[in-house]
Amino acid sequence: MRRSYGTVTITAPLGAGFEYNVDGGTYQASTVFSGLSAGASHAFRTRSTTDNTCVSSVTNISVNAAPTAPSAPSGSVTTQPTCAVPTGTVTITAPLGAGFEYNVDGGTYQGIDRILGLVSWCIACLPHKEHHG
C-alpha cells in the first residue's frame, strides 16, 4: 500500500515574531509543513519568538486521505463496424456515475458512457478517471 502525504500552510498569524510547530515537534519559522500523514488530523501551535512561553492553543487540521483509483472500465461494443458504416459504438457498463470520465487510446476524457464513431482498429482500452470535489 502506498502511503500518501500532505502539506499544510499556516495562514495566520504571520510575521517575524512567530514560529510554528506541528504535533508537538520542533518550532520553526516556516509556515509550511510538508510530509504530513494523510488521513490524519495534525495539531498546530504558534508561539512568540520574543517570549517562547507565550504559546497559542492547538488548532487541529486534517489532511485528507488520498482517493482510491476507480475500477477498470467494462463495456461492450454495441454497434460493430461494417463495410457500409466503418465505425462502431462502445457502451461503458461500469463504473458509471456523474464522477467518471472515459477516454479512448489516451485521447480527451469525455463525461459520457457511450463512445461513438470508433474505427475498428481503435475499439480498445478505455481508461477513465474519477472526479473528487
Foldseek 3Di string as FASTA:
>chain_A
DDWDWAKDFDDPDADPQKWKDKQPDDTDNGRMDIPHGAPDKIWMKMATPVDRVRIDHTDIDHHHGDDDWFDFWDWAWPADADPVRQWTKIFTDPDDDQFKWKDWPPDDTHNHRMDTGHGPVGPDGIGMGGDDD
